[in-house]
Amino acid sequence: MRIPVGVCLLLAACAAPAVFAQTVANPITTTVKSIMARSEQDMVAAAKAMPANKYGYKPTPPQITFRHLIKHATMANYFFCSKLTGAAMPAVAKGVMNGTPSKSALVSGLEASYAYCNSRFANATDSGLGEPIQMFGGHSMSRGGAMITMTDDWTDHYAIAAYYLRLNGILPPTAKKKH
């Protein structure tokens, strides 16, 4: 008996997901950690790509400077990662928005904020995603909802950084060809 080629292809296509699918014990936190790794790579690369003399750049008067964006992204990492894991905000985070730090200080601070998040999420699991936590202005949000908000924030921060880089004639890190 001959099986038509189309039937063979259909069976192979249906079987492929079963062969490649893996059960993940904590799918939400595993995904958040994956997004965090990509965000860290992209944001730190963007912060390094912008020349130091362009950290004061902003496209229009109402917008924030690139410096402020990096400071904000750093502060947001400390805020979300402490709230989501029930830790007190680290002392270093309290001074992030003060002053006019150098590019190297800002890059180091951004890297440190991701290191903090990675350490806080090292043993995180999906348990308690429905539990309420206090967020902005004392508003309650589920832990899972706050994780989604955090990953949205990472995407937003990088999109703004990429936009600022392009406006300064610099190709954003994610637009560069991989070798």
N, C-alpha and C. Protein backbone atom coordinates (compact mmCIF):
# COMPACT_ATOMS: atom_id res chain seq x y z
N MET A 1 0.84 -1.17 0.00
CA MET A 1 0.00 0.00 0.00
C MET A 1 0.89 1.23 0.00
N ARG A 2 0.57 2.13 -0.92
CA ARG A 2 1.34 3.38 -1.03
C ARG A 2 0.58 4.48 -0.31
N ILE A 3 1.32 5.25 0.50
CA ILE A 3 0.72 6.39 1.20
C ILE A 3 1.09 7.63 0.41
N PRO A 4 0.10 8.44 0.05
CA PRO A 4 0.41 9.66 -0.71
C PRO A 4 1.37 10.56 0.06
N VAL A 5 2.21 11.26 -0.69
CA VAL A 5 3.21 12.15 -0.10
C VAL A 5 2.56 13.19 0.79
N GLY A 6 1.43 13.74 0.36
CA GLY A 6 0.74 14.76 1.15
C GLY A 6 0.35 14.25 2.53
N VAL A 7 -0.11 12.98 2.60
CA VAL A 7 -0.49 12.39 3.89
C VAL A 7 0.75 12.24 4.76
N CYS A 8 1.86 11.83 4.16
CA CYS A 8 3.11 11.69 4.93
C CYS A 8 3.55 13.03 5.50
N LEU A 9 3.47 14.08 4.68
CA LEU A 9 3.85 15.41 5.15
C LEU A 9 2.93 15.89 6.26
N LEU A 10 1.63 15.62 6.12
CA LEU A 10 0.67 16.02 7.15
C LEU A 10 0.95 15.30 8.46
N LEU A 11 1.23 14.00 8.40
CA LEU A 11 1.54 13.25 9.61
C LEU A 11 2.83 13.75 10.26
N ALA A 12 3.82 14.04 9.44
CA ALA A 12 5.09 14.56 9.97
C ALA A 12 4.89 15.92 10.63
N ALA A 13 4.07 16.77 10.00
CA ALA A 13 3.81 18.10 10.56
C ALA A 13 3.07 18.00 11.89
N CYS A 14 2.15 17.06 12.00
CA CYS A 14 1.39 16.88 13.25
C CYS A 14 2.26 16.28 14.35
N ALA A 15 3.20 15.42 13.97
CA ALA A 15 4.04 14.77 14.96
C ALA A 15 5.16 15.67 15.44
N ALA A 16 5.60 16.61 14.62
CA ALA A 16 6.74 17.46 14.97
C ALA A 16 6.56 18.21 16.29
N PRO A 17 5.42 18.86 16.53
CA PRO A 17 5.29 19.56 17.81
C PRO A 17 5.41 18.62 19.00
N ALA A 18 4.90 17.40 18.88
CA ALA A 18 5.00 16.45 19.99
C ALA A 18 6.44 16.05 20.24
N VAL A 19 7.22 15.93 19.19
CA VAL A 19 8.62 15.56 19.32
C VAL A 19 9.42 16.69 19.97
N PHE A 20 9.14 17.94 19.56
CA PHE A 20 9.93 19.06 20.03
C PHE A 20 9.38 19.72 21.29
N ALA A 21 8.14 19.45 21.64
CA ALA A 21 7.53 20.09 22.80
C ALA A 21 8.18 19.56 24.08
N GLN A 22 8.38 20.47 25.02
CA GLN A 22 8.93 20.10 26.31
C GLN A 22 8.01 20.66 27.39
N THR A 23 7.88 19.92 28.45
CA THR A 23 7.12 20.41 29.58
C THR A 23 8.05 21.28 30.42
N VAL A 24 7.59 22.48 30.73
CA VAL A 24 8.36 23.41 31.54
C VAL A 24 7.66 23.53 32.89
N ALA A 25 8.40 23.33 33.96
CA ALA A 25 7.81 23.34 35.30
C ALA A 25 7.20 24.69 35.66
N ASN A 26 7.84 25.77 35.30
CA ASN A 26 7.38 27.12 35.64
C ASN A 26 7.38 27.96 34.37
N PRO A 27 6.38 27.77 33.52
CA PRO A 27 6.41 28.42 32.20
C PRO A 27 6.41 29.95 32.24
N ILE A 28 5.74 30.55 33.20
CA ILE A 28 5.67 32.01 33.24
C ILE A 28 7.00 32.61 33.68
N THR A 29 7.51 32.16 34.82
CA THR A 29 8.78 32.72 35.30
C THR A 29 9.94 32.33 34.39
N THR A 30 9.87 31.16 33.77
CA THR A 30 10.89 30.77 32.81
C THR A 30 10.89 31.73 31.62
N THR A 31 9.70 32.09 31.15
CA THR A 31 9.58 33.03 30.04
C THR A 31 10.05 34.42 30.45
N VAL A 32 9.68 34.85 31.65
CA VAL A 32 10.12 36.17 32.14
C VAL A 32 11.65 36.21 32.22
N LYS A 33 12.27 35.15 32.70
CA LYS A 33 13.73 35.10 32.78
C LYS A 33 14.36 35.18 31.38
N SER A 34 13.74 34.53 30.42
CA SER A 34 14.23 34.57 29.04
C SER A 34 14.12 35.99 28.46
N ILE A 35 12.98 36.62 28.70
CA ILE A 35 12.77 38.00 28.23
C ILE A 35 13.76 38.93 28.94
N MET A 36 14.00 38.69 30.22
CA MET A 36 14.94 39.51 30.99
C MET A 36 16.34 39.41 30.38
N ALA A 37 16.77 38.21 30.03
CA ALA A 37 18.10 38.04 29.44
C ALA A 37 18.23 38.81 28.14
N ARG A 38 17.19 38.75 27.32
CA ARG A 38 17.21 39.49 26.04
C ARG A 38 17.18 41.00 26.29
N SER A 39 16.37 41.43 27.25
CA SER A 39 16.29 42.85 27.58
C SER A 39 17.64 43.35 28.08
N GLU A 40 18.26 42.59 28.95
CA GLU A 40 19.57 42.99 29.48
C GLU A 40 20.58 43.14 28.34
N GLN A 41 20.63 42.17 27.47
CA GLN A 41 21.57 42.22 26.34
C GLN A 41 21.31 43.45 25.48
N ASP A 42 20.05 43.67 25.13
CA ASP A 42 19.71 44.78 24.22
C ASP A 42 19.88 46.15 24.87
N MET A 43 19.40 46.31 26.10
CA MET A 43 19.48 47.63 26.75
C MET A 43 20.92 48.02 27.07
N VAL A 44 21.69 47.07 27.56
CA VAL A 44 23.09 47.39 27.88
C VAL A 44 23.84 47.72 26.59
N ALA A 45 23.58 46.98 25.53
CA ALA A 45 24.23 47.26 24.24
C ALA A 45 23.82 48.64 23.72
N ALA A 46 22.55 48.99 23.89
CA ALA A 46 22.07 50.31 23.45
C ALA A 46 22.73 51.42 24.27
N ALA A 47 22.83 51.21 25.59
CA ALA A 47 23.47 52.21 26.46
C ALA A 47 24.93 52.40 26.08
N LYS A 48 25.59 51.31 25.71
CA LYS A 48 27.00 51.40 25.30
C LYS A 48 27.14 52.03 23.91
N ALA A 49 26.16 51.80 23.04
CA ALA A 49 26.25 52.30 21.66
C ALA A 49 26.10 53.82 21.56
N MET A 50 25.33 54.40 22.46
CA MET A 50 25.12 55.85 22.41
C MET A 50 26.39 56.55 22.90
N PRO A 51 26.96 57.47 22.10
CA PRO A 51 28.16 58.20 22.53
C PRO A 51 27.87 59.02 23.80
N ALA A 52 28.87 59.14 24.64
CA ALA A 52 28.72 59.88 25.90
C ALA A 52 28.20 61.29 25.68
N ASN A 53 28.64 61.93 24.60
CA ASN A 53 28.21 63.31 24.36
C ASN A 53 26.77 63.40 23.85
N LYS A 54 26.12 62.27 23.65
CA LYS A 54 24.72 62.25 23.21
C LYS A 54 23.77 61.82 24.32
N TYR A 55 24.27 61.61 25.52
CA TYR A 55 23.41 61.19 26.62
C TYR A 55 22.42 62.27 27.03
N GLY A 56 22.68 63.51 26.67
CA GLY A 56 21.75 64.60 26.93
C GLY A 56 20.74 64.80 25.80
N TYR A 57 20.81 63.97 24.76
CA TYR A 57 19.94 64.10 23.60
C TYR A 57 18.49 63.75 23.94
N LYS A 58 17.58 64.54 23.40
CA LYS A 58 16.16 64.22 23.40
C LYS A 58 15.58 64.78 22.11
N PRO A 59 14.72 64.01 21.43
CA PRO A 59 14.21 64.43 20.12
C PRO A 59 13.40 65.72 20.13
N THR A 60 12.60 65.91 21.16
CA THR A 60 11.78 67.13 21.28
C THR A 60 11.81 67.57 22.74
N PRO A 61 11.54 68.85 22.99
CA PRO A 61 11.60 69.34 24.38
C PRO A 61 10.77 68.55 25.41
N PRO A 62 9.57 68.08 25.08
CA PRO A 62 8.82 67.36 26.12
C PRO A 62 9.35 65.95 26.43
N GLN A 63 10.19 65.40 25.56
CA GLN A 63 10.67 64.05 25.78
C GLN A 63 11.84 64.02 26.77
N ILE A 64 12.10 62.84 27.31
CA ILE A 64 13.21 62.69 28.25
C ILE A 64 14.52 62.53 27.48
N THR A 65 15.63 62.80 28.15
CA THR A 65 16.94 62.61 27.55
C THR A 65 17.28 61.12 27.55
N PHE A 66 18.27 60.77 26.75
CA PHE A 66 18.75 59.38 26.76
C PHE A 66 19.26 59.03 28.15
N ARG A 67 19.95 59.97 28.79
CA ARG A 67 20.44 59.76 30.17
C ARG A 67 19.28 59.41 31.10
N HIS A 68 18.20 60.19 31.01
CA HIS A 68 17.04 59.94 31.87
C HIS A 68 16.43 58.57 31.57
N LEU A 69 16.39 58.20 30.29
CA LEU A 69 15.86 56.88 29.92
C LEU A 69 16.65 55.76 30.59
N ILE A 70 17.97 55.85 30.55
CA ILE A 70 18.80 54.80 31.16
C ILE A 70 18.62 54.80 32.68
N LYS A 71 18.54 55.98 33.28
CA LYS A 71 18.29 56.06 34.71
C LYS A 71 16.92 55.47 35.05
N HIS A 72 15.91 55.81 34.25
CA HIS A 72 14.55 55.30 34.47
C HIS A 72 14.51 53.77 34.33
N ALA A 73 15.15 53.24 33.30
CA ALA A 73 15.17 51.79 33.09
C ALA A 73 15.85 51.09 34.27
N THR A 74 16.92 51.68 34.76
CA THR A 74 17.63 51.13 35.92
C THR A 74 16.73 51.12 37.15
N MET A 75 16.09 52.24 37.41
CA MET A 75 15.20 52.35 38.57
C MET A 75 14.02 51.39 38.44
N ALA A 76 13.46 51.28 37.25
CA ALA A 76 12.33 50.38 37.02
C ALA A 76 12.73 48.93 37.32
N ASN A 77 13.93 48.53 36.93
CA ASN A 77 14.39 47.17 37.23
C ASN A 77 14.41 46.93 38.73
N TYR A 78 15.00 47.86 39.47
CA TYR A 78 15.04 47.70 40.93
C TYR A 78 13.63 47.67 41.52
N PHE A 79 12.77 48.55 41.05
CA PHE A 79 11.41 48.63 41.58
C PHE A 79 10.65 47.32 41.34
N PHE A 80 10.57 46.91 40.08
CA PHE A 80 9.80 45.71 39.76
C PHE A 80 10.38 44.46 40.41
N CYS A 81 11.68 44.29 40.34
CA CYS A 81 12.28 43.06 40.86
C CYS A 81 12.20 42.97 42.37
N SER A 82 12.21 44.10 43.05
CA SER A 82 12.02 44.06 44.50
C SER A 82 10.56 43.79 44.84
N LYS A 83 9.65 44.46 44.16
CA LYS A 83 8.21 44.26 44.42
C LYS A 83 7.78 42.82 44.12
N LEU A 84 8.23 42.30 42.98
CA LEU A 84 7.79 40.97 42.56
C LEU A 84 8.34 39.85 43.43
N THR A 85 9.46 40.10 44.07
CA THR A 85 10.07 39.04 44.88
C THR A 85 9.96 39.32 46.38
N GLY A 86 9.29 40.40 46.74
CA GLY A 86 9.07 40.70 48.15
C GLY A 86 10.29 41.21 48.88
N ALA A 87 11.27 41.69 48.15
CA ALA A 87 12.49 42.21 48.78
C ALA A 87 12.38 43.71 48.98
N ALA A 88 13.12 44.20 49.94
CA ALA A 88 13.19 45.65 50.14
C ALA A 88 14.00 46.24 48.98
N MET A 89 13.64 47.45 48.59
CA MET A 89 14.38 48.14 47.53
C MET A 89 15.81 48.33 48.01
N PRO A 90 16.80 47.92 47.23
CA PRO A 90 18.20 48.09 47.68
C PRO A 90 18.57 49.57 47.82
N ALA A 91 19.45 49.85 48.74
CA ALA A 91 19.86 51.23 49.01
C ALA A 91 20.40 51.92 47.77
N VAL A 92 21.12 51.18 46.92
CA VAL A 92 21.72 51.77 45.72
C VAL A 92 20.64 52.34 44.79
N ALA A 93 19.46 51.74 44.80
CA ALA A 93 18.38 52.18 43.91
C ALA A 93 17.85 53.55 44.29
N LYS A 94 17.91 53.88 45.56
CA LYS A 94 17.33 55.14 46.02
C LYS A 94 17.98 56.38 45.40
N GLY A 95 19.25 56.27 45.00
CA GLY A 95 19.94 57.42 44.44
C GLY A 95 20.06 57.40 42.93
N VAL A 96 19.45 56.43 42.27
CA VAL A 96 19.60 56.28 40.82
C VAL A 96 19.20 57.51 40.05
N MET A 97 18.13 58.17 40.41
CA MET A 97 17.62 59.29 39.63
C MET A 97 18.29 60.62 39.95
N ASN A 98 19.19 60.63 40.93
CA ASN A 98 19.86 61.88 41.33
C ASN A 98 21.07 62.19 40.46
N GLY A 99 21.31 63.46 40.25
CA GLY A 99 22.53 63.91 39.58
C GLY A 99 22.58 63.65 38.09
N THR A 100 23.78 63.88 37.56
CA THR A 100 24.03 63.69 36.14
C THR A 100 25.25 62.77 36.02
N PRO A 101 25.03 61.47 36.22
CA PRO A 101 26.16 60.54 36.17
C PRO A 101 26.74 60.41 34.76
N SER A 102 27.97 59.96 34.69
CA SER A 102 28.64 59.74 33.41
C SER A 102 28.04 58.53 32.69
N LYS A 103 28.38 58.41 31.42
CA LYS A 103 27.92 57.26 30.65
C LYS A 103 28.39 55.97 31.31
N SER A 104 29.65 55.89 31.70
CA SER A 104 30.16 54.65 32.29
C SER A 104 29.43 54.32 33.60
N ALA A 105 29.11 55.33 34.39
CA ALA A 105 28.37 55.09 35.64
C ALA A 105 26.95 54.61 35.33
N LEU A 106 26.33 55.18 34.30
CA LEU A 106 24.99 54.76 33.93
C LEU A 106 24.96 53.33 33.38
N VAL A 107 25.93 52.99 32.55
CA VAL A 107 26.01 51.63 32.01
C VAL A 107 26.23 50.64 33.15
N SER A 108 27.15 50.97 34.05
CA SER A 108 27.42 50.10 35.21
C SER A 108 26.18 49.95 36.08
N GLY A 109 25.47 51.05 36.28
CA GLY A 109 24.24 51.01 37.08
C GLY A 109 23.17 50.16 36.43
N LEU A 110 23.02 50.27 35.12
CA LEU A 110 22.04 49.46 34.39
C LEU A 110 22.40 47.98 34.49
N GLU A 111 23.68 47.67 34.30
CA GLU A 111 24.13 46.28 34.43
C GLU A 111 23.86 45.75 35.84
N ALA A 112 24.12 46.58 36.85
CA ALA A 112 23.89 46.17 38.24
C ALA A 112 22.40 45.92 38.50
N SER A 113 21.54 46.72 37.88
CA SER A 113 20.10 46.52 38.10
C SER A 113 19.64 45.19 37.50
N TYR A 114 20.18 44.81 36.36
CA TYR A 114 19.84 43.50 35.78
C TYR A 114 20.43 42.37 36.61
N ALA A 115 21.64 42.56 37.14
CA ALA A 115 22.23 41.55 38.02
C ALA A 115 21.35 41.35 39.25
N TYR A 116 20.84 42.46 39.79
CA TYR A 116 19.92 42.38 40.93
C TYR A 116 18.67 41.57 40.54
N CYS A 117 18.08 41.90 39.40
CA CYS A 117 16.88 41.17 38.95
C CYS A 117 17.18 39.69 38.75
N ASN A 118 18.31 39.39 38.13
CA ASN A 118 18.67 37.99 37.92
C ASN A 118 18.83 37.25 39.25
N SER A 119 19.42 37.91 40.24
CA SER A 119 19.58 37.26 41.54
C SER A 119 18.23 37.09 42.24
N ARG A 120 17.35 38.07 42.11
CA ARG A 120 16.03 37.98 42.75
C ARG A 120 15.16 36.90 42.09
N PHE A 121 15.33 36.70 40.79
CA PHE A 121 14.50 35.73 40.06
C PHE A 121 15.16 34.35 39.93
N ALA A 122 16.34 34.18 40.47
CA ALA A 122 17.08 32.93 40.31
C ALA A 122 16.24 31.71 40.70
N ASN A 123 15.51 31.79 41.79
CA ASN A 123 14.73 30.66 42.27
C ASN A 123 13.22 30.91 42.20
N ALA A 124 12.81 31.87 41.40
CA ALA A 124 11.38 32.20 41.29
C ALA A 124 10.62 31.06 40.62
N THR A 125 9.39 30.89 41.07
CA THR A 125 8.50 29.89 40.48
C THR A 125 7.18 30.55 40.12
N ASP A 126 6.31 29.78 39.50
CA ASP A 126 5.00 30.30 39.12
C ASP A 126 4.01 30.31 40.29
N SER A 127 4.39 29.80 41.43
CA SER A 127 3.45 29.80 42.55
C SER A 127 3.19 31.23 43.00
N GLY A 128 1.97 31.52 43.32
CA GLY A 128 1.60 32.84 43.83
C GLY A 128 1.40 33.91 42.78
N LEU A 129 1.27 33.54 41.50
CA LEU A 129 1.09 34.56 40.47
C LEU A 129 -0.22 35.32 40.62
N GLY A 130 -1.20 34.72 41.28
CA GLY A 130 -2.48 35.40 41.49
C GLY A 130 -2.51 36.26 42.74
N GLU A 131 -1.48 36.19 43.56
CA GLU A 131 -1.44 36.97 44.80
C GLU A 131 -1.33 38.46 44.50
N PRO A 132 -2.03 39.28 45.28
CA PRO A 132 -1.93 40.73 45.06
C PRO A 132 -0.65 41.29 45.69
N ILE A 133 -0.07 42.26 45.00
CA ILE A 133 1.07 43.00 45.54
C ILE A 133 0.78 44.48 45.33
N GLN A 134 1.40 45.31 46.17
CA GLN A 134 1.21 46.75 46.07
C GLN A 134 2.19 47.30 45.04
N MET A 135 1.67 48.05 44.08
CA MET A 135 2.51 48.61 43.03
C MET A 135 2.48 50.13 43.09
N PHE A 136 2.38 50.76 41.96
CA PHE A 136 2.43 52.21 41.83
C PHE A 136 1.35 52.89 42.66
N GLY A 137 1.74 53.84 43.48
CA GLY A 137 0.78 54.60 44.26
C GLY A 137 -0.07 53.77 45.19
N GLY A 138 0.42 52.59 45.58
CA GLY A 138 -0.32 51.73 46.49
C GLY A 138 -1.42 50.91 45.83
N HIS A 139 -1.50 50.95 44.51
CA HIS A 139 -2.51 50.16 43.81
C HIS A 139 -2.13 48.69 43.83
N SER A 140 -3.13 47.85 44.00
CA SER A 140 -2.92 46.41 44.04
C SER A 140 -2.96 45.82 42.63
N MET A 141 -2.10 44.84 42.42
CA MET A 141 -2.03 44.15 41.13
C MET A 141 -1.59 42.72 41.42
N SER A 142 -2.01 41.78 40.61
CA SER A 142 -1.54 40.41 40.83
C SER A 142 -0.06 40.33 40.48
N ARG A 143 0.62 39.39 41.12
CA ARG A 143 2.04 39.20 40.85
C ARG A 143 2.24 38.87 39.36
N GLY A 144 1.37 38.06 38.80
CA GLY A 144 1.46 37.73 37.37
C GLY A 144 1.25 38.96 36.49
N GLY A 145 0.29 39.79 36.85
CA GLY A 145 0.05 41.02 36.11
C GLY A 145 1.25 41.96 36.17
N ALA A 146 1.88 42.02 37.34
CA ALA A 146 3.06 42.86 37.50
C ALA A 146 4.23 42.33 36.65
N MET A 147 4.32 41.00 36.51
CA MET A 147 5.37 40.43 35.65
C MET A 147 5.14 40.84 34.20
N ILE A 148 3.90 40.81 33.77
CA ILE A 148 3.58 41.22 32.39
C ILE A 148 3.90 42.70 32.21
N THR A 149 3.55 43.51 33.19
CA THR A 149 3.84 44.94 33.13
C THR A 149 5.34 45.18 33.06
N MET A 150 6.12 44.41 33.82
CA MET A 150 7.57 44.54 33.81
C MET A 150 8.14 44.20 32.43
N THR A 151 7.69 43.10 31.83
CA THR A 151 8.21 42.73 30.51
C THR A 151 7.78 43.75 29.46
N ASP A 152 6.58 44.30 29.59
CA ASP A 152 6.15 45.38 28.69
C ASP A 152 7.08 46.59 28.83
N ASP A 153 7.44 46.90 30.07
CA ASP A 153 8.32 48.03 30.35
C ASP A 153 9.68 47.84 29.67
N TRP A 154 10.22 46.63 29.77
CA TRP A 154 11.50 46.35 29.13
C TRP A 154 11.43 46.60 27.62
N THR A 155 10.33 46.14 27.01
CA THR A 155 10.15 46.34 25.57
C THR A 155 10.06 47.83 25.25
N ASP A 156 9.30 48.56 26.04
CA ASP A 156 9.13 49.99 25.84
C ASP A 156 10.46 50.72 25.96
N HIS A 157 11.24 50.40 26.98
CA HIS A 157 12.52 51.06 27.19
C HIS A 157 13.46 50.84 26.01
N TYR A 158 13.52 49.60 25.54
CA TYR A 158 14.42 49.34 24.41
C TYR A 158 13.92 50.02 23.14
N ALA A 159 12.62 50.04 22.93
CA ALA A 159 12.08 50.71 21.73
C ALA A 159 12.46 52.18 21.72
N ILE A 160 12.37 52.83 22.87
CA ILE A 160 12.74 54.25 22.96
C ILE A 160 14.24 54.40 22.71
N ALA A 161 15.05 53.53 23.33
CA ALA A 161 16.50 53.61 23.14
C ALA A 161 16.86 53.42 21.66
N ALA A 162 16.23 52.45 21.01
CA ALA A 162 16.50 52.19 19.59
C ALA A 162 16.12 53.40 18.74
N TYR A 163 15.01 54.02 19.07
CA TYR A 163 14.53 55.22 18.37
C TYR A 163 15.55 56.35 18.52
N TYR A 164 16.03 56.58 19.74
CA TYR A 164 17.01 57.64 19.98
C TYR A 164 18.32 57.35 19.24
N LEU A 165 18.74 56.10 19.25
CA LEU A 165 19.96 55.74 18.53
C LEU A 165 19.81 56.02 17.03
N ARG A 166 18.70 55.59 16.45
CA ARG A 166 18.48 55.81 15.01
C ARG A 166 18.45 57.30 14.67
N LEU A 167 17.83 58.10 15.55
CA LEU A 167 17.79 59.54 15.30
C LEU A 167 19.18 60.18 15.36
N ASN A 168 20.13 59.46 15.92
CA ASN A 168 21.51 59.93 15.98
C ASN A 168 22.41 59.19 14.99
N GLY A 169 21.78 58.51 14.03
CA GLY A 169 22.54 57.83 12.99
C GLY A 169 23.23 56.55 13.44
N ILE A 170 22.77 55.97 14.53
CA ILE A 170 23.39 54.76 15.08
C ILE A 170 22.41 53.60 14.92
N LEU A 171 22.88 52.51 14.35
CA LEU A 171 22.05 51.33 14.17
C LEU A 171 21.85 50.64 15.52
N PRO A 172 20.60 50.43 15.94
CA PRO A 172 20.37 49.77 17.23
C PRO A 172 20.95 48.35 17.25
N PRO A 173 21.32 47.86 18.42
CA PRO A 173 21.93 46.53 18.51
C PRO A 173 21.12 45.42 17.85
N THR A 174 19.81 45.44 17.99
CA THR A 174 19.00 44.36 17.42
C THR A 174 18.86 44.46 15.91
N ALA A 175 19.24 45.59 15.32
CA ALA A 175 19.16 45.76 13.87
C ALA A 175 20.44 45.34 13.17
N LYS A 176 21.47 45.08 13.96
CA LYS A 176 22.76 44.67 13.38
C LYS A 176 22.72 43.21 13.00
N LYS A 177 23.36 42.87 11.89
CA LYS A 177 23.40 41.49 11.43
C LYS A 177 24.25 40.66 12.38
N LYS A 178 23.76 39.46 12.65
CA LYS A 178 24.51 38.51 13.48
C LYS A 178 25.45 37.72 12.57
N HIS A 179 26.65 37.50 13.03
CA HIS A 179 27.63 36.76 12.22
C HIS A 179 27.74 35.35 12.70
